[in-house]
Amino acid sequence: MDEALAAKQIDELRNGIISELLVKKEDFPVFRAVLVKQPDFKRFRGIAQRGGHVIYHYMDAPRS
């Protein structure tokens, strides 16, 4: 995964095109670097899975 693909997937999740996004362990560092730069970063919720993968959802309200 490169930064452009990560940004595209973040936009799709934000706009409701996809309801969840699976980020594989090997793609996580690049994805997270792009995600933390988003102005609505606190609305993304990542749930860790076995094997180091993470499933992200976009929430209506920001997490605390």
Protein backbone atom coordinates (compact mmCIF):
# COMPACT_ATOMS: atom_id res chain seq x y z
CA MET A 1 0.00 0.00 0.00
CA ASP A 2 1.23 3.48 -0.79
CA GLU A 3 0.07 6.82 0.62
CA ALA A 4 -2.24 7.57 -2.33
CA LEU A 5 -4.11 4.28 -1.92
CA ALA A 6 -4.37 4.80 1.84
CA ALA A 7 -5.83 8.29 1.31
CA LYS A 8 -8.33 6.92 -1.23
CA GLN A 9 -9.47 4.18 1.15
CA ILE A 10 -9.80 6.68 4.01
CA ASP A 11 -12.01 8.89 1.82
CA GLU A 12 -14.17 5.91 0.83
CA LEU A 13 -14.64 4.98 4.48
CA ARG A 14 -15.38 8.57 5.46
CA ASN A 15 -17.96 9.02 2.67
CA GLY A 16 -19.77 5.75 3.37
CA ILE A 17 -18.75 4.05 0.12
CA ILE A 18 -17.39 1.22 2.26
CA SER A 19 -18.58 0.42 5.79
CA GLU A 20 -15.33 -1.03 7.08
CA LEU A 21 -11.73 -1.28 6.00
CA LEU A 22 -9.33 -4.13 6.72
CA VAL A 23 -5.72 -2.98 6.97
CA LYS A 24 -3.20 -5.78 6.86
CA LYS A 25 -0.29 -5.88 9.27
CA GLU A 26 2.30 -5.09 6.59
CA ASP A 27 0.29 -2.05 5.37
CA PHE A 28 -0.41 -0.61 8.81
CA PRO A 29 2.60 1.77 9.15
CA VAL A 30 1.87 3.53 5.84
CA PHE A 31 -1.89 3.62 6.48
CA ARG A 32 -1.51 5.02 9.99
CA ALA A 33 0.90 7.73 8.83
CA VAL A 34 -1.79 8.99 6.45
CA LEU A 35 -4.66 8.50 8.91
CA VAL A 36 -3.18 10.57 11.76
CA LYS A 37 -2.90 13.57 9.41
CA GLN A 38 -6.66 13.63 8.81
CA PRO A 39 -8.58 16.49 10.46
CA ASP A 40 -11.29 14.02 11.56
CA PHE A 41 -8.81 11.41 12.82
CA LYS A 42 -10.78 10.85 16.04
CA ARG A 43 -13.79 9.61 14.07
CA PHE A 44 -11.90 6.55 12.84
CA ARG A 45 -12.04 3.53 15.12
CA GLY A 46 -9.61 0.69 14.64
CA ILE A 47 -10.23 -2.74 16.11
CA ALA A 48 -7.16 -4.98 16.31
CA GLN A 49 -7.52 -8.50 14.97
CA ARG A 50 -5.44 -11.60 15.46
CA GLY A 51 -2.33 -11.63 13.33
CA GLY A 52 -1.79 -7.87 13.50
CA HIS A 53 -4.55 -6.78 11.13
CA VAL A 54 -6.89 -3.89 11.99
CA ILE A 55 -10.49 -3.25 10.94
CA TYR A 56 -11.43 0.43 10.75
CA HIS A 57 -14.90 2.00 10.96
CA TYR A 58 -15.93 5.63 10.64
CA MET A 59 -18.03 6.89 13.57
CA ASP A 60 -20.64 9.65 13.66
CA ALA A 61 -19.14 11.11 16.83
CA PRO A 62 -15.44 11.49 17.57
CA ARG A 63 -13.94 9.23 20.20
CA SER A 64 -12.69 10.85 23.36
